[in-house]
Amino acid sequence: MQQIEDFKQKAEEIKNQFNQDLISLRTDRAVPELVENILVDYYGAKTPLKQVGSISTPDSRTIVIQPWDKASLNDIEKAVNAQGAGLTAQADEDAVRVKIPLLNQERREQIVRQIGQKTENARIAVRRIRDNTREQVKNITAEDDKFKGLKELDEANEEINKKIEEIKNNKEKQVME
């Protein structure tokens, strides 16, 4: 049924966006996603960091940004320090190094609350799509197709909510470690 396939596709997009949102939340581990979307003043244009240089994690506590143009080192350092996630960047002759500080318990709890808010926003978005799809399926004239469609929709909705919950639980576990 096309309506159900559309729902699955849209719900999968929401789940993927939710996952990306959680990846960008800071934990005690260095991951490139923490800095890759920080906007840097690059030749007068605000440009995402991932387009200005290569980002690597040589160890679990450090992110190294190697710009393609060494003249942008100071701009990258300023942008990372100004972005407000508690990250401190330091430029040397050919790269910018970002040390990931340990999280205290209070900050961990704040991040867990943010995860909860993002989870609820994802669930609400899925619920809206489900409700729209449900109305489309209810307008089907054949009773058998209508009930089959509603059952498929409920199963697909339950499956996507389980995936969202699993992503949430994994991120919370990662933050609290």
C-alpha atoms as a PDB file:
ATOM      1  CA  MET A   1       0.000   0.000   0.000  1.00  0.00           C
ATOM      2  CA  GLN A   2       1.543   3.295  -1.132  1.00  0.00           C
ATOM      3  CA  GLN A   3       0.448   5.307   1.904  1.00  0.00           C
ATOM      4  CA  ILE A   4       2.233   2.890   4.241  1.00  0.00           C
ATOM      5  CA  GLU A   5       5.407   2.966   2.136  1.00  0.00           C
ATOM      6  CA  ASP A   6       5.337   6.778   2.199  1.00  0.00           C
ATOM      7  CA  PHE A   7       4.940   6.687   5.979  1.00  0.00           C
ATOM      8  CA  LYS A   8       7.884   4.301   6.346  1.00  0.00           C
ATOM      9  CA  GLN A   9      10.091   6.481   4.178  1.00  0.00           C
ATOM     10  CA  LYS A  10       9.230   9.703   6.016  1.00  0.00           C
ATOM     11  CA  ALA A  11       9.555   8.030   9.421  1.00  0.00           C
ATOM     12  CA  GLU A  12      12.971   6.639   8.445  1.00  0.00           C
ATOM     13  CA  GLU A  13      14.081  10.169   7.472  1.00  0.00           C
ATOM     14  CA  ILE A  14      12.957  11.442  10.883  1.00  0.00           C
ATOM     15  CA  LYS A  15      14.836   8.619  12.612  1.00  0.00           C
ATOM     16  CA  ASN A  16      18.004   9.389  10.635  1.00  0.00           C
ATOM     17  CA  GLN A  17      17.766  13.094  11.450  1.00  0.00           C
ATOM     18  CA  PHE A  18      17.195  12.248  15.117  1.00  0.00           C
ATOM     19  CA  ASN A  19      20.295  10.056  15.064  1.00  0.00           C
ATOM     20  CA  GLN A  20      22.341  12.892  13.516  1.00  0.00           C
ATOM     21  CA  ASP A  21      21.060  15.305  16.166  1.00  0.00           C
ATOM     22  CA  LEU A  22      22.188  12.942  18.922  1.00  0.00           C
ATOM     23  CA  ILE A  23      25.595  12.377  17.352  1.00  0.00           C
ATOM     24  CA  SER A  24      26.245  16.114  17.573  1.00  0.00           C
ATOM     25  CA  LEU A  25      25.626  16.087  21.349  1.00  0.00           C
ATOM     26  CA  ARG A  26      28.904  16.083  23.200  1.00  0.00           C
ATOM     27  CA  THR A  27      30.024  13.048  25.160  1.00  0.00           C
ATOM     28  CA  ASP A  28      33.436  12.214  26.612  1.00  0.00           C
ATOM     29  CA  ARG A  29      34.507  10.773  23.267  1.00  0.00           C
ATOM     30  CA  ALA A  30      35.990  12.742  20.409  1.00  0.00           C
ATOM     31  CA  VAL A  31      33.913  12.373  17.247  1.00  0.00           C
ATOM     32  CA  PRO A  32      34.207  14.574  14.143  1.00  0.00           C
ATOM     33  CA  GLU A  33      30.461  15.274  14.236  1.00  0.00           C
ATOM     34  CA  LEU A  34      31.015  17.507  17.277  1.00  0.00           C
ATOM     35  CA  VAL A  35      32.702  20.147  15.135  1.00  0.00           C
ATOM     36  CA  GLU A  36      31.977  19.423  11.476  1.00  0.00           C
ATOM     37  CA  ASN A  37      28.991  21.792  11.210  1.00  0.00           C
ATOM     38  CA  ILE A  38      30.544  24.723  13.075  1.00  0.00           C
ATOM     39  CA  LEU A  39      30.459  27.740  10.769  1.00  0.00           C
ATOM     40  CA  VAL A  40      33.840  29.299  10.031  1.00  0.00           C
ATOM     41  CA  ASP A  41      34.431  32.691   8.429  1.00  0.00           C
ATOM     42  CA  TYR A  42      36.236  31.408   5.331  1.00  0.00           C
ATOM     43  CA  TYR A  43      37.121  34.143   2.838  1.00  0.00           C
ATOM     44  CA  GLY A  44      34.147  36.215   3.951  1.00  0.00           C
ATOM     45  CA  ALA A  45      31.569  33.401   3.808  1.00  0.00           C
ATOM     46  CA  LYS A  46      30.228  31.318   6.687  1.00  0.00           C
ATOM     47  CA  THR A  47      31.302  27.790   5.747  1.00  0.00           C
ATOM     48  CA  PRO A  48      30.830  24.505   7.654  1.00  0.00           C
ATOM     49  CA  LEU A  49      34.103  23.255   9.107  1.00  0.00           C
ATOM     50  CA  LYS A  50      33.884  19.978   7.206  1.00  0.00           C
ATOM     51  CA  GLN A  51      34.235  21.982   3.972  1.00  0.00           C
ATOM     52  CA  VAL A  52      37.276  23.911   5.185  1.00  0.00           C
ATOM     53  CA  GLY A  53      39.583  21.024   6.089  1.00  0.00           C
ATOM     54  CA  SER A  54      39.881  17.415   7.150  1.00  0.00           C
ATOM     55  CA  ILE A  55      38.710  16.366  10.593  1.00  0.00           C
ATOM     56  CA  SER A  56      40.215  13.374  12.390  1.00  0.00           C
ATOM     57  CA  THR A  57      40.309  11.846  15.858  1.00  0.00           C
ATOM     58  CA  PRO A  58      43.770  10.485  16.626  1.00  0.00           C
ATOM     59  CA  ASP A  59      42.628   9.398  20.088  1.00  0.00           C
ATOM     60  CA  SER A  60      39.417   9.342  22.119  1.00  0.00           C
ATOM     61  CA  ARG A  61      40.033  12.776  23.691  1.00  0.00           C
ATOM     62  CA  THR A  62      41.293  14.845  20.735  1.00  0.00           C
ATOM     63  CA  ILE A  63      39.905  16.155  17.458  1.00  0.00           C
ATOM     64  CA  VAL A  64      42.410  17.422  14.892  1.00  0.00           C
ATOM     65  CA  ILE A  65      41.317  19.820  12.148  1.00  0.00           C
ATOM     66  CA  GLN A  66      43.749  20.248   9.275  1.00  0.00           C
ATOM     67  CA  PRO A  67      42.608  23.095   7.046  1.00  0.00           C
ATOM     68  CA  TRP A  68      43.320  22.995   3.341  1.00  0.00           C
ATOM     69  CA  ASP A  69      44.431  26.619   3.606  1.00  0.00           C
ATOM     70  CA  LYS A  70      46.782  27.276   6.542  1.00  0.00           C
ATOM     71  CA  ALA A  71      45.727  30.950   6.578  1.00  0.00           C
ATOM     72  CA  SER A  72      42.382  29.885   8.059  1.00  0.00           C
ATOM     73  CA  LEU A  73      43.874  28.315  11.223  1.00  0.00           C
ATOM     74  CA  ASN A  74      43.021  31.304  13.430  1.00  0.00           C
ATOM     75  CA  ASP A  75      39.487  31.575  12.022  1.00  0.00           C
ATOM     76  CA  ILE A  76      38.879  27.895  12.759  1.00  0.00           C
ATOM     77  CA  GLU A  77      40.239  28.253  16.285  1.00  0.00           C
ATOM     78  CA  LYS A  78      37.989  31.278  16.941  1.00  0.00           C
ATOM     79  CA  ALA A  79      34.903  29.528  15.546  1.00  0.00           C
ATOM     80  CA  VAL A  80      35.385  26.384  17.661  1.00  0.00           C
ATOM     81  CA  ASN A  81      36.054  28.385  20.834  1.00  0.00           C
ATOM     82  CA  ALA A  82      33.016  30.634  20.209  1.00  0.00           C
ATOM     83  CA  GLN A  83      30.496  27.877  19.503  1.00  0.00           C
ATOM     84  CA  GLY A  84      29.726  27.305  23.194  1.00  0.00           C
ATOM     85  CA  ALA A  85      29.816  23.535  23.667  1.00  0.00           C
ATOM     86  CA  GLY A  86      32.656  23.728  26.167  1.00  0.00           C
ATOM     87  CA  LEU A  87      35.281  22.776  23.605  1.00  0.00           C
ATOM     88  CA  THR A  88      38.615  24.544  23.580  1.00  0.00           C
ATOM     89  CA  ALA A  89      40.620  24.741  20.371  1.00  0.00           C
ATOM     90  CA  GLN A  90      44.294  25.504  20.063  1.00  0.00           C
ATOM     91  CA  ALA A  91      46.029  26.231  16.769  1.00  0.00           C
ATOM     92  CA  ASP A  92      49.596  25.171  16.059  1.00  0.00           C
ATOM     93  CA  GLU A  93      51.590  25.559  12.847  1.00  0.00           C
ATOM     94  CA  ASP A  94      49.528  23.226  10.638  1.00  0.00           C
ATOM     95  CA  ALA A  95      46.392  22.112  12.513  1.00  0.00           C
ATOM     96  CA  VAL A  96      43.847  23.009  15.158  1.00  0.00           C
ATOM     97  CA  ARG A  97      43.608  20.615  18.079  1.00  0.00           C
ATOM     98  CA  VAL A  98      40.442  20.355  20.136  1.00  0.00           C
ATOM     99  CA  LYS A  99      40.713  18.630  23.499  1.00  0.00           C
ATOM    100  CA  ILE A 100      37.547  16.978  24.799  1.00  0.00           C
ATOM    101  CA  PRO A 101      37.257  17.634  28.560  1.00  0.00           C
ATOM    102  CA  LEU A 102      35.670  15.141  30.903  1.00  0.00           C
ATOM    103  CA  LEU A 103      31.999  15.748  31.635  1.00  0.00           C
ATOM    104  CA  ASN A 104      30.899  16.289  35.215  1.00  0.00           C
ATOM    105  CA  GLN A 105      27.747  14.611  36.524  1.00  0.00           C
ATOM    106  CA  GLU A 106      25.641  17.774  36.245  1.00  0.00           C
ATOM    107  CA  ARG A 107      26.571  18.236  32.579  1.00  0.00           C
ATOM    108  CA  ARG A 108      25.836  14.559  31.877  1.00  0.00           C
ATOM    109  CA  GLU A 109      22.355  14.990  33.340  1.00  0.00           C
ATOM    110  CA  GLN A 110      21.784  18.087  31.186  1.00  0.00           C
ATOM    111  CA  ILE A 111      22.753  16.129  28.089  1.00  0.00           C
ATOM    112  CA  VAL A 112      20.404  13.291  29.059  1.00  0.00           C
ATOM    113  CA  ARG A 113      17.585  15.857  29.359  1.00  0.00           C
ATOM    114  CA  GLN A 114      18.463  17.190  25.894  1.00  0.00           C
ATOM    115  CA  ILE A 115      18.335  13.635  24.578  1.00  0.00           C
ATOM    116  CA  GLY A 116      14.876  13.252  26.105  1.00  0.00           C
ATOM    117  CA  GLN A 117      13.672  16.465  24.445  1.00  0.00           C
ATOM    118  CA  LYS A 118      15.062  15.455  21.054  1.00  0.00           C
ATOM    119  CA  THR A 119      13.481  12.011  21.447  1.00  0.00           C
ATOM    120  CA  GLU A 120      10.092  13.526  22.196  1.00  0.00           C
ATOM    121  CA  ASN A 121      10.399  15.856  19.183  1.00  0.00           C
ATOM    122  CA  ALA A 122      11.167  12.863  16.940  1.00  0.00           C
ATOM    123  CA  ARG A 123       8.192  10.936  18.349  1.00  0.00           C
ATOM    124  CA  ILE A 124       5.900  13.918  17.770  1.00  0.00           C
ATOM    125  CA  ALA A 125       7.079  14.223  14.161  1.00  0.00           C
ATOM    126  CA  VAL A 126       6.442  10.503  13.581  1.00  0.00           C
ATOM    127  CA  ARG A 127       3.044  10.798  15.254  1.00  0.00           C
ATOM    128  CA  ARG A 128       2.033  13.644  12.922  1.00  0.00           C
ATOM    129  CA  ILE A 129       2.982  11.644   9.856  1.00  0.00           C
ATOM    130  CA  ARG A 130       1.181   8.606  11.268  1.00  0.00           C
ATOM    131  CA  ASP A 131      -1.984  10.632  11.872  1.00  0.00           C
ATOM    132  CA  ASN A 132      -1.921  12.018   8.317  1.00  0.00           C
ATOM    133  CA  THR A 133      -1.372   8.536   6.910  1.00  0.00           C
ATOM    134  CA  ARG A 134      -4.153   7.133   9.112  1.00  0.00           C
ATOM    135  CA  GLU A 135      -6.605   9.663   7.632  1.00  0.00           C
ATOM    136  CA  GLN A 136      -5.550   8.686   4.108  1.00  0.00           C
ATOM    137  CA  VAL A 137      -6.022   4.994   4.885  1.00  0.00           C
ATOM    138  CA  LYS A 138      -9.426   5.605   6.493  1.00  0.00           C
ATOM    139  CA  ASN A 139     -10.609   7.153   3.227  1.00  0.00           C
ATOM    140  CA  ILE A 140     -10.093   3.854   1.384  1.00  0.00           C
ATOM    141  CA  THR A 141     -13.495   2.469   0.366  1.00  0.00           C
ATOM    142  CA  ALA A 142     -12.721  -1.257   0.599  1.00  0.00           C
ATOM    143  CA  GLU A 143     -13.145  -2.261   4.249  1.00  0.00           C
ATOM    144  CA  ASP A 144     -10.622  -5.141   4.053  1.00  0.00           C
ATOM    145  CA  ASP A 145      -7.955  -2.868   2.578  1.00  0.00           C
ATOM    146  CA  LYS A 146      -8.724  -0.194   5.170  1.00  0.00           C
ATOM    147  CA  PHE A 147      -8.271  -2.543   8.146  1.00  0.00           C
ATOM    148  CA  LYS A 148      -5.203  -4.176   6.602  1.00  0.00           C
ATOM    149  CA  GLY A 149      -3.703  -0.721   5.983  1.00  0.00           C
ATOM    150  CA  LEU A 150      -4.403   0.439   9.538  1.00  0.00           C
ATOM    151  CA  LYS A 151      -2.801  -2.710  10.934  1.00  0.00           C
ATOM    152  CA  GLU A 152       0.289  -2.263   8.727  1.00  0.00           C
ATOM    153  CA  LEU A 153       0.510   1.381   9.760  1.00  0.00           C
ATOM    154  CA  ASP A 154       0.387   0.501  13.457  1.00  0.00           C
ATOM    155  CA  GLU A 155       3.108  -2.132  12.994  1.00  0.00           C
ATOM    156  CA  ALA A 156       5.343   0.269  11.054  1.00  0.00           C
ATOM    157  CA  ASN A 157       4.781   2.977  13.665  1.00  0.00           C
ATOM    158  CA  GLU A 158       5.645   0.607  16.492  1.00  0.00           C
ATOM    159  CA  GLU A 159       8.812  -0.490  14.689  1.00  0.00           C
ATOM    160  CA  ILE A 160      10.082   3.049  14.082  1.00  0.00           C
ATOM    161  CA  ASN A 161       9.346   4.051  17.689  1.00  0.00           C
ATOM    162  CA  LYS A 162      11.349   1.040  18.910  1.00  0.00           C
ATOM    163  CA  LYS A 163      14.287   2.149  16.741  1.00  0.00           C
ATOM    164  CA  ILE A 164      14.072   5.698  18.099  1.00  0.00           C
ATOM    165  CA  GLU A 165      13.968   4.367  21.658  1.00  0.00           C
ATOM    166  CA  GLU A 166      16.975   2.128  20.978  1.00  0.00           C
ATOM    167  CA  ILE A 167      19.000   5.065  19.614  1.00  0.00           C
ATOM    168  CA  LYS A 168      18.001   7.137  22.665  1.00  0.00           C
ATOM    169  CA  ASN A 169      18.989   4.406  25.128  1.00  0.00           C
ATOM    170  CA  ASN A 170      22.358   3.869  23.443  1.00  0.00           C
ATOM    171  CA  LYS A 171      23.165   7.585  23.543  1.00  0.00           C
ATOM    172  CA  GLU A 172      22.101   7.924  27.176  1.00  0.00           C
ATOM    173  CA  LYS A 173      24.281   4.954  28.089  1.00  0.00           C
ATOM    174  CA  GLN A 174      27.203   6.503  26.206  1.00  0.00           C
ATOM    175  CA  VAL A 175      26.758   9.849  27.997  1.00  0.00           C
ATOM    176  CA  MET A 176      26.498   8.327  31.469  1.00  0.00           C
ATOM    177  CA  GLU A 177      29.576   6.073  31.098  1.00  0.00           C
END
